[in-house]
Amino acid sequence: MPWFAAPDYADTRAAMADRDKLPADHGTWLASAGQVEGELTRVGFEVVRVVIERETFLAWCREAGTVPDGRARSQFANAAAGIEGR
């Protein structure tokens, strides 16, 4: 699951193509992400938090030829967690 660290949230959010879909502050994002994580866990998924480090993620997007958005964050997190294609 894509995860944002509090100290880097504003800068990382600013680099996202879909930044308007992300909460303006980390606390709001964290509450929402916690709900999603809890629901996934309740229905039987093993959740792996993958921190989105801005420069690493943007480099991955360039290499993959994709825009830095929600879909790319999910793909990046799945690849990092070793669950691509599942």
PDB file of N, CA and C in Angstrom:
ATOM      1  N   MET A   1       0.848  -1.162   0.000  1.00  0.00           N
ATOM      2  CA  MET A   1       0.000   0.000   0.000  1.00  0.00           C
ATOM      3  C   MET A   1       0.900   1.234   0.000  1.00  0.00           C
ATOM      4  N   PRO A   2       0.670   2.164  -0.936  1.00  0.00           N
ATOM      5  CA  PRO A   2       1.469   3.389  -0.935  1.00  0.00           C
ATOM      6  C   PRO A   2       1.306   4.131   0.389  1.00  0.00           C
ATOM      7  N   TRP A   3       2.413   4.610   0.919  1.00  0.00           N
ATOM      8  CA  TRP A   3       2.395   5.269   2.217  1.00  0.00           C
ATOM      9  C   TRP A   3       3.237   6.526   2.145  1.00  0.00           C
ATOM     10  N   PHE A   4       2.771   7.589   2.782  1.00  0.00           N
ATOM     11  CA  PHE A   4       3.500   8.854   2.803  1.00  0.00           C
ATOM     12  C   PHE A   4       4.006   9.141   4.206  1.00  0.00           C
ATOM     13  N   ALA A   5       5.277   9.521   4.316  1.00  0.00           N
ATOM     14  CA  ALA A   5       5.854   9.933   5.594  1.00  0.00           C
ATOM     15  C   ALA A   5       5.449  11.384   5.857  1.00  0.00           C
ATOM     16  N   ALA A   6       5.131  11.686   7.090  1.00  0.00           N
ATOM     17  CA  ALA A   6       4.659  13.026   7.455  1.00  0.00           C
ATOM     18  C   ALA A   6       5.604  14.158   7.044  1.00  0.00           C
ATOM     19  N   PRO A   7       6.907  14.041   7.320  1.00  0.00           N
ATOM     20  CA  PRO A   7       7.786  15.178   7.009  1.00  0.00           C
ATOM     21  C   PRO A   7       7.870  15.499   5.513  1.00  0.00           C
ATOM     22  N   ASP A   8       7.624  14.504   4.667  1.00  0.00           N
ATOM     23  CA  ASP A   8       7.791  14.670   3.226  1.00  0.00           C
ATOM     24  C   ASP A   8       6.466  14.851   2.486  1.00  0.00           C
ATOM     25  N   TYR A   9       5.361  14.797   3.207  1.00  0.00           N
ATOM     26  CA  TYR A   9       4.058  14.751   2.553  1.00  0.00           C
ATOM     27  C   TYR A   9       3.809  15.936   1.618  1.00  0.00           C
ATOM     28  N   ALA A  10       4.003  17.138   2.070  1.00  0.00           N
ATOM     29  CA  ALA A  10       3.684  18.317   1.254  1.00  0.00           C
ATOM     30  C   ALA A  10       4.492  18.344  -0.038  1.00  0.00           C
ATOM     31  N   ASP A  11       5.796  18.100   0.049  1.00  0.00           N
ATOM     32  CA  ASP A  11       6.640  18.107  -1.147  1.00  0.00           C
ATOM     33  C   ASP A  11       6.296  16.960  -2.087  1.00  0.00           C
ATOM     34  N   THR A  12       6.057  15.792  -1.518  1.00  0.00           N
ATOM     35  CA  THR A  12       5.716  14.641  -2.351  1.00  0.00           C
ATOM     36  C   THR A  12       4.361  14.855  -3.014  1.00  0.00           C
ATOM     37  N   ARG A  13       3.392  15.327  -2.248  1.00  0.00           N
ATOM     38  CA  ARG A  13       2.060  15.607  -2.802  1.00  0.00           C
ATOM     39  C   ARG A  13       2.159  16.599  -3.952  1.00  0.00           C
ATOM     40  N   ALA A  14       2.970  17.628  -3.794  1.00  0.00           N
ATOM     41  CA  ALA A  14       3.107  18.658  -4.825  1.00  0.00           C
ATOM     42  C   ALA A  14       3.626  18.097  -6.145  1.00  0.00           C
ATOM     43  N   ALA A  15       4.364  17.003  -6.095  1.00  0.00           N
ATOM     44  CA  ALA A  15       4.937  16.401  -7.298  1.00  0.00           C
ATOM     45  C   ALA A  15       3.974  15.450  -8.011  1.00  0.00           C
ATOM     46  N   MET A  16       2.829  15.173  -7.397  1.00  0.00           N
ATOM     47  CA  MET A  16       1.884  14.216  -7.968  1.00  0.00           C
ATOM     48  C   MET A  16       0.970  14.865  -9.004  1.00  0.00           C
ATOM     49  N   ALA A  17       0.720  14.162 -10.092  1.00  0.00           N
ATOM     50  CA  ALA A  17      -0.179  14.666 -11.132  1.00  0.00           C
ATOM     51  C   ALA A  17      -1.602  14.801 -10.608  1.00  0.00           C
ATOM     52  N   ASP A  18      -1.949  13.973  -9.645  1.00  0.00           N
ATOM     53  CA  ASP A  18      -3.305  13.985  -9.077  1.00  0.00           C
ATOM     54  C   ASP A  18      -3.342  14.594  -7.676  1.00  0.00           C
ATOM     55  N   ARG A  19      -2.460  15.558  -7.435  1.00  0.00           N
ATOM     56  CA  ARG A  19      -2.368  16.158  -6.098  1.00  0.00           C
ATOM     57  C   ARG A  19      -3.695  16.719  -5.613  1.00  0.00           C
ATOM     58  N   ASP A  20      -4.558  17.119  -6.543  1.00  0.00           N
ATOM     59  CA  ASP A  20      -5.865  17.648  -6.150  1.00  0.00           C
ATOM     60  C   ASP A  20      -6.769  16.576  -5.558  1.00  0.00           C
ATOM     61  N   LYS A  21      -6.414  15.311  -5.761  1.00  0.00           N
ATOM     62  CA  LYS A  21      -7.196  14.207  -5.195  1.00  0.00           C
ATOM     63  C   LYS A  21      -6.663  13.746  -3.836  1.00  0.00           C
ATOM     64  N   LEU A  22      -5.513  14.269  -3.456  1.00  0.00           N
ATOM     65  CA  LEU A  22      -4.905  13.927  -2.170  1.00  0.00           C
ATOM     66  C   LEU A  22      -5.230  15.026  -1.158  1.00  0.00           C
ATOM     67  N   PRO A  23      -5.496  14.650   0.085  1.00  0.00           N
ATOM     68  CA  PRO A  23      -5.762  15.667   1.113  1.00  0.00           C
ATOM     69  C   PRO A  23      -4.599  16.656   1.225  1.00  0.00           C
ATOM     70  N   ALA A  24      -4.909  17.872   1.586  1.00  0.00           N
ATOM     71  CA  ALA A  24      -3.891  18.914   1.699  1.00  0.00           C
ATOM     72  C   ALA A  24      -2.918  18.666   2.842  1.00  0.00           C
ATOM     73  N   ASP A  25      -3.359  17.962   3.889  1.00  0.00           N
ATOM     74  CA  ASP A  25      -2.458  17.739   5.030  1.00  0.00           C
ATOM     75  C   ASP A  25      -2.302  16.252   5.326  1.00  0.00           C
ATOM     76  N   HIS A  26      -1.155  15.929   5.887  1.00  0.00           N
ATOM     77  CA  HIS A  26      -0.821  14.530   6.169  1.00  0.00           C
ATOM     78  C   HIS A  26      -1.781  13.884   7.157  1.00  0.00           C
ATOM     79  N   GLY A  27      -2.220  14.616   8.157  1.00  0.00           N
ATOM     80  CA  GLY A  27      -3.130  14.050   9.156  1.00  0.00           C
ATOM     81  C   GLY A  27      -4.417  13.539   8.540  1.00  0.00           C
ATOM     82  N   THR A  28      -4.976  14.298   7.620  1.00  0.00           N
ATOM     83  CA  THR A  28      -6.199  13.873   6.935  1.00  0.00           C
ATOM     84  C   THR A  28      -5.916  12.665   6.061  1.00  0.00           C
ATOM     85  N   TRP A  29      -4.792  12.702   5.331  1.00  0.00           N
ATOM     86  CA  TRP A  29      -4.422  11.555   4.505  1.00  0.00           C
ATOM     87  C   TRP A  29      -4.240  10.315   5.379  1.00  0.00           C
ATOM     88  N   LEU A  30      -3.553  10.463   6.509  1.00  0.00           N
ATOM     89  CA  LEU A  30      -3.274   9.342   7.396  1.00  0.00           C
ATOM     90  C   LEU A  30      -4.560   8.700   7.914  1.00  0.00           C
ATOM     91  N   ALA A  31      -5.531   9.508   8.277  1.00  0.00           N
ATOM     92  CA  ALA A  31      -6.810   8.967   8.756  1.00  0.00           C
ATOM     93  C   ALA A  31      -7.493   8.158   7.667  1.00  0.00           C
ATOM     94  N   SER A  32      -7.502   8.678   6.464  1.00  0.00           N
ATOM     95  CA  SER A  32      -8.128   7.974   5.342  1.00  0.00           C
ATOM     96  C   SER A  32      -7.370   6.687   5.006  1.00  0.00           C
ATOM     97  N   ALA A  33      -6.062   6.782   4.944  1.00  0.00           N
ATOM     98  CA  ALA A  33      -5.244   5.604   4.639  1.00  0.00           C
ATOM     99  C   ALA A  33      -5.404   4.532   5.708  1.00  0.00           C
ATOM    100  N   GLY A  34      -5.509   4.948   6.955  1.00  0.00           N
ATOM    101  CA  GLY A  34      -5.714   3.995   8.046  1.00  0.00           C
ATOM    102  C   GLY A  34      -7.027   3.244   7.903  1.00  0.00           C
ATOM    103  N   GLN A  35      -8.061   3.943   7.447  1.00  0.00           N
ATOM    104  CA  GLN A  35      -9.352   3.282   7.225  1.00  0.00           C
ATOM    105  C   GLN A  35      -9.248   2.259   6.102  1.00  0.00           C
ATOM    106  N   VAL A  36      -8.589   2.643   5.011  1.00  0.00           N
ATOM    107  CA  VAL A  36      -8.418   1.716   3.885  1.00  0.00           C
ATOM    108  C   VAL A  36      -7.598   0.508   4.322  1.00  0.00           C
ATOM    109  N   GLU A  37      -6.518   0.756   5.040  1.00  0.00           N
ATOM    110  CA  GLU A  37      -5.663  -0.331   5.526  1.00  0.00           C
ATOM    111  C   GLU A  37      -6.454  -1.277   6.425  1.00  0.00           C
ATOM    112  N   GLY A  38      -7.256  -0.724   7.313  1.00  0.00           N
ATOM    113  CA  GLY A  38      -8.062  -1.544   8.208  1.00  0.00           C
ATOM    114  C   GLY A  38      -9.062  -2.394   7.455  1.00  0.00           C
ATOM    115  N   GLU A  39      -9.712  -1.809   6.461  1.00  0.00           N
ATOM    116  CA  GLU A  39     -10.690  -2.563   5.670  1.00  0.00           C
ATOM    117  C   GLU A  39     -10.026  -3.686   4.885  1.00  0.00           C
ATOM    118  N   LEU A  40      -8.885  -3.407   4.277  1.00  0.00           N
ATOM    119  CA  LEU A  40      -8.167  -4.451   3.539  1.00  0.00           C
ATOM    120  C   LEU A  40      -7.760  -5.595   4.467  1.00  0.00           C
ATOM    121  N   THR A  41      -7.303  -5.245   5.647  1.00  0.00           N
ATOM    122  CA  THR A  41      -6.916  -6.261   6.623  1.00  0.00           C
ATOM    123  C   THR A  41      -8.118  -7.084   7.063  1.00  0.00           C
ATOM    124  N   ARG A  42      -9.247  -6.417   7.307  1.00  0.00           N
ATOM    125  CA  ARG A  42     -10.466  -7.123   7.733  1.00  0.00           C
ATOM    126  C   ARG A  42     -10.947  -8.146   6.716  1.00  0.00           C
ATOM    127  N   VAL A  43     -10.761  -7.838   5.426  1.00  0.00           N
ATOM    128  CA  VAL A  43     -11.240  -8.769   4.405  1.00  0.00           C
ATOM    129  C   VAL A  43     -10.182  -9.793   3.999  1.00  0.00           C
ATOM    130  N   GLY A  44      -9.053  -9.792   4.708  1.00  0.00           N
ATOM    131  CA  GLY A  44      -8.087 -10.861   4.538  1.00  0.00           C
ATOM    132  C   GLY A  44      -6.820 -10.557   3.769  1.00  0.00           C
ATOM    133  N   PHE A  45      -6.610  -9.313   3.369  1.00  0.00           N
ATOM    134  CA  PHE A  45      -5.382  -8.961   2.675  1.00  0.00           C
ATOM    135  C   PHE A  45      -4.266  -8.705   3.670  1.00  0.00           C
ATOM    136  N   GLU A  46      -3.071  -9.082   3.296  1.00  0.00           N
ATOM    137  CA  GLU A  46      -1.892  -8.709   4.070  1.00  0.00           C
ATOM    138  C   GLU A  46      -1.412  -7.377   3.493  1.00  0.00           C
ATOM    139  N   VAL A  47      -1.422  -6.352   4.284  1.00  0.00           N
ATOM    140  CA  VAL A  47      -1.067  -5.016   3.816  1.00  0.00           C
ATOM    141  C   VAL A  47       0.401  -4.745   4.107  1.00  0.00           C
ATOM    142  N   VAL A  48       1.111  -4.293   3.081  1.00  0.00           N
ATOM    143  CA  VAL A  48       2.505  -3.893   3.215  1.00  0.00           C
ATOM    144  C   VAL A  48       2.572  -2.403   2.908  1.00  0.00           C
ATOM    145  N   ARG A  49       3.034  -1.630   3.859  1.00  0.00           N
ATOM    146  CA  ARG A  49       3.192  -0.184   3.648  1.00  0.00           C
ATOM    147  C   ARG A  49       4.492   0.067   2.894  1.00  0.00           C
ATOM    148  N   VAL A  50       4.376   0.744   1.766  1.00  0.00           N
ATOM    149  CA  VAL A  50       5.554   1.110   0.977  1.00  0.00           C
ATOM    150  C   VAL A  50       5.626   2.632   0.945  1.00  0.00           C
ATOM    151  N   VAL A  51       6.631   3.178   1.593  1.00  0.00           N
ATOM    152  CA  VAL A  51       6.781   4.634   1.664  1.00  0.00           C
ATOM    153  C   VAL A  51       7.147   5.173   0.278  1.00  0.00           C
ATOM    154  N   ILE A  52       6.397   6.168  -0.136  1.00  0.00           N
ATOM    155  CA  ILE A  52       6.661   6.829  -1.410  1.00  0.00           C
ATOM    156  C   ILE A  52       7.677   7.932  -1.160  1.00  0.00           C
ATOM    157  N   GLU A  53       8.920   7.642  -1.500  1.00  0.00           N
ATOM    158  CA  GLU A  53       9.979   8.649  -1.402  1.00  0.00           C
ATOM    159  C   GLU A  53       9.992   9.394  -2.730  1.00  0.00           C
ATOM    160  N   ARG A  54       9.811  10.679  -2.670  1.00  0.00           N
ATOM    161  CA  ARG A  54       9.563  11.504  -3.851  1.00  0.00           C
ATOM    162  C   ARG A  54      10.515  11.220  -5.011  1.00  0.00           C
ATOM    163  N   GLU A  55      11.800  11.384  -4.806  1.00  0.00           N
ATOM    164  CA  GLU A  55      12.749  11.264  -5.922  1.00  0.00           C
ATOM    165  C   GLU A  55      12.823   9.835  -6.462  1.00  0.00           C
ATOM    166  N   THR A  56      12.775   8.861  -5.584  1.00  0.00           N
ATOM    167  CA  THR A  56      12.794   7.458  -6.020  1.00  0.00           C
ATOM    168  C   THR A  56      11.564   7.143  -6.855  1.00  0.00           C
ATOM    169  N   PHE A  57      10.401   7.604  -6.363  1.00  0.00           N
ATOM    170  CA  PHE A  57       9.162   7.354  -7.076  1.00  0.00           C
ATOM    171  C   PHE A  57       9.135   8.068  -8.428  1.00  0.00           C
ATOM    172  N   LEU A  58       9.561   9.326  -8.459  1.00  0.00           N
ATOM    173  CA  LEU A  58       9.566  10.068  -9.721  1.00  0.00           C
ATOM    174  C   LEU A  58      10.520   9.438 -10.736  1.00  0.00           C
ATOM    175  N   ALA A  59      11.663   8.947 -10.270  1.00  0.00           N
ATOM    176  CA  ALA A  59      12.596   8.251 -11.166  1.00  0.00           C
ATOM    177  C   ALA A  59      11.962   6.973 -11.708  1.00  0.00           C
ATOM    178  N   TRP A  60      11.264   6.246 -10.850  1.00  0.00           N
ATOM    179  CA  TRP A  60      10.566   5.027 -11.280  1.00  0.00           C
ATOM    180  C   TRP A  60       9.515   5.365 -12.335  1.00  0.00           C
ATOM    181  N   CYS A  61       8.781   6.450 -12.131  1.00  0.00           N
ATOM    182  CA  CYS A  61       7.756   6.870 -13.101  1.00  0.00           C
ATOM    183  C   CYS A  61       8.382   7.212 -14.447  1.00  0.00           C
ATOM    184  N   ARG A  62       9.489   7.934 -14.429  1.00  0.00           N
ATOM    185  CA  ARG A  62      10.172   8.280 -15.678  1.00  0.00           C
ATOM    186  C   ARG A  62      10.597   7.012 -16.404  1.00  0.00           C
ATOM    187  N   GLU A  63      11.184   6.084 -15.665  1.00  0.00           N
ATOM    188  CA  GLU A  63      11.649   4.836 -16.260  1.00  0.00           C
ATOM    189  C   GLU A  63      10.488   4.006 -16.810  1.00  0.00           C
ATOM    190  N   ALA A  64       9.360   4.029 -16.103  1.00  0.00           N
ATOM    191  CA  ALA A  64       8.185   3.261 -16.519  1.00  0.00           C
ATOM    192  C   ALA A  64       7.364   3.996 -17.579  1.00  0.00           C
ATOM    193  N   GLY A  65       7.672   5.271 -17.821  1.00  0.00           N
ATOM    194  CA  GLY A  65       6.932   6.052 -18.797  1.00  0.00           C
ATOM    195  C   GLY A  65       5.507   6.351 -18.361  1.00  0.00           C
ATOM    196  N   THR A  66       5.338   6.601 -17.067  1.00  0.00           N
ATOM    197  CA  THR A  66       4.008   6.858 -16.533  1.00  0.00           C
ATOM    198  C   THR A  66       3.983   8.172 -15.762  1.00  0.00           C
ATOM    199  N   VAL A  67       2.813   8.692 -15.570  1.00  0.00           N
ATOM    200  CA  VAL A  67       2.679   9.918 -14.784  1.00  0.00           C
ATOM    201  C   VAL A  67       2.597   9.547 -13.303  1.00  0.00           C
ATOM    202  N   PRO A  68       3.073  10.419 -12.430  1.00  0.00           N
ATOM    203  CA  PRO A  68       3.027  10.126 -10.992  1.00  0.00           C
ATOM    204  C   PRO A  68       1.621  10.377 -10.431  1.00  0.00           C
ATOM    205  N   ASP A  69       0.814   9.329 -10.453  1.00  0.00           N
ATOM    206  CA  ASP A  69      -0.560   9.449  -9.961  1.00  0.00           C
ATOM    207  C   ASP A  69      -0.911   8.227  -9.114  1.00  0.00           C
ATOM    208  N   GLY A  70      -2.167   8.126  -8.734  1.00  0.00           N
ATOM    209  CA  GLY A  70      -2.605   7.033  -7.871  1.00  0.00           C
ATOM    210  C   GLY A  70      -2.340   5.656  -8.441  1.00  0.00           C
ATOM    211  N   ARG A  71      -2.592   5.509  -9.724  1.00  0.00           N
ATOM    212  CA  ARG A  71      -2.342   4.209 -10.361  1.00  0.00           C
ATOM    213  C   ARG A  71      -0.856   3.860 -10.287  1.00  0.00           C
ATOM    214  N   ALA A  72       0.000   4.838 -10.617  1.00  0.00           N
ATOM    215  CA  ALA A  72       1.443   4.607 -10.564  1.00  0.00           C
ATOM    216  C   ALA A  72       1.901   4.313  -9.134  1.00  0.00           C
ATOM    217  N   ARG A  73       1.328   5.023  -8.150  1.00  0.00           N
ATOM    218  CA  ARG A  73       1.701   4.751  -6.754  1.00  0.00           C
ATOM    219  C   ARG A  73       1.367   3.317  -6.374  1.00  0.00           C
ATOM    220  N   SER A  74       0.212   2.843  -6.804  1.00  0.00           N
ATOM    221  CA  SER A  74      -0.175   1.457  -6.501  1.00  0.00           C
ATOM    222  C   SER A  74       0.758   0.471  -7.191  1.00  0.00           C
ATOM    223  N   GLN A  75       1.081   0.734  -8.456  1.00  0.00           N
ATOM    224  CA  GLN A  75       1.995  -0.150  -9.184  1.00  0.00           C
ATOM    225  C   GLN A  75       3.376  -0.174  -8.529  1.00  0.00           C
ATOM    226  N   PHE A  76       3.846   1.006  -8.144  1.00  0.00           N
ATOM    227  CA  PHE A  76       5.143   1.122  -7.485  1.00  0.00           C
ATOM    228  C   PHE A  76       5.149   0.344  -6.165  1.00  0.00           C
ATOM    229  N   ALA A  77       4.098   0.529  -5.374  1.00  0.00           N
ATOM    230  CA  ALA A  77       4.007  -0.156  -4.084  1.00  0.00           C
ATOM    231  C   ALA A  77       3.946  -1.662  -4.270  1.00  0.00           C
ATOM    232  N   ASN A  78       3.165  -2.118  -5.239  1.00  0.00           N
ATOM    233  CA  ASN A  78       3.074  -3.556  -5.498  1.00  0.00           C
ATOM    234  C   ASN A  78       4.418  -4.124  -5.930  1.00  0.00           C
ATOM    235  N   ALA A  79       5.123  -3.396  -6.805  1.00  0.00           N
ATOM    236  CA  ALA A  79       6.448  -3.851  -7.256  1.00  0.00           C
ATOM    237  C   ALA A  79       7.416  -3.913  -6.079  1.00  0.00           C
ATOM    238  N   ALA A  80       7.407  -2.868  -5.250  1.00  0.00           N
ATOM    239  CA  ALA A  80       8.313  -2.815  -4.106  1.00  0.00           C
ATOM    240  C   ALA A  80       8.019  -3.924  -3.096  1.00  0.00           C
ATOM    241  N   ALA A  81       6.739  -4.262  -2.980  1.00  0.00           N
ATOM    242  CA  ALA A  81       6.340  -5.314  -2.032  1.00  0.00           C
ATOM    243  C   ALA A  81       6.462  -6.706  -2.643  1.00  0.00           C
ATOM    244  N   GLY A  82       6.823  -6.769  -3.916  1.00  0.00           N
ATOM    245  CA  GLY A  82       6.986  -8.054  -4.576  1.00  0.00           C
ATOM    246  C   GLY A  82       5.694  -8.748  -4.919  1.00  0.00           C
ATOM    247  N   ILE A  83       4.629  -7.959  -5.169  1.00  0.00           N
ATOM    248  CA  ILE A  83       3.338  -8.587  -5.478  1.00  0.00           C
ATOM    249  C   ILE A  83       2.794  -8.103  -6.817  1.00  0.00           C
ATOM    250  N   GLU A  84       3.680  -7.807  -7.751  1.00  0.00           N
ATOM    251  CA  GLU A  84       3.242  -7.396  -9.093  1.00  0.00           C
ATOM    252  C   GLU A  84       2.398  -8.497  -9.710  1.00  0.00           C
ATOM    253  N   GLY A  85       1.346  -8.079 -10.374  1.00  0.00           N
ATOM    254  CA  GLY A  85       0.533  -9.032 -11.112  1.00  0.00           C
ATOM    255  C   GLY A  85      -0.415  -9.866 -10.286  1.00  0.00           C
ATOM    256  N   ARG A  86      -0.438  -9.672  -8.988  1.00  0.00           N
ATOM    257  CA  ARG A  86      -1.366 -10.447  -8.144  1.00  0.00           C
ATOM    258  C   ARG A  86      -2.626  -9.674  -7.952  1.00  0.00           C
TER     259      ARG A  86
END
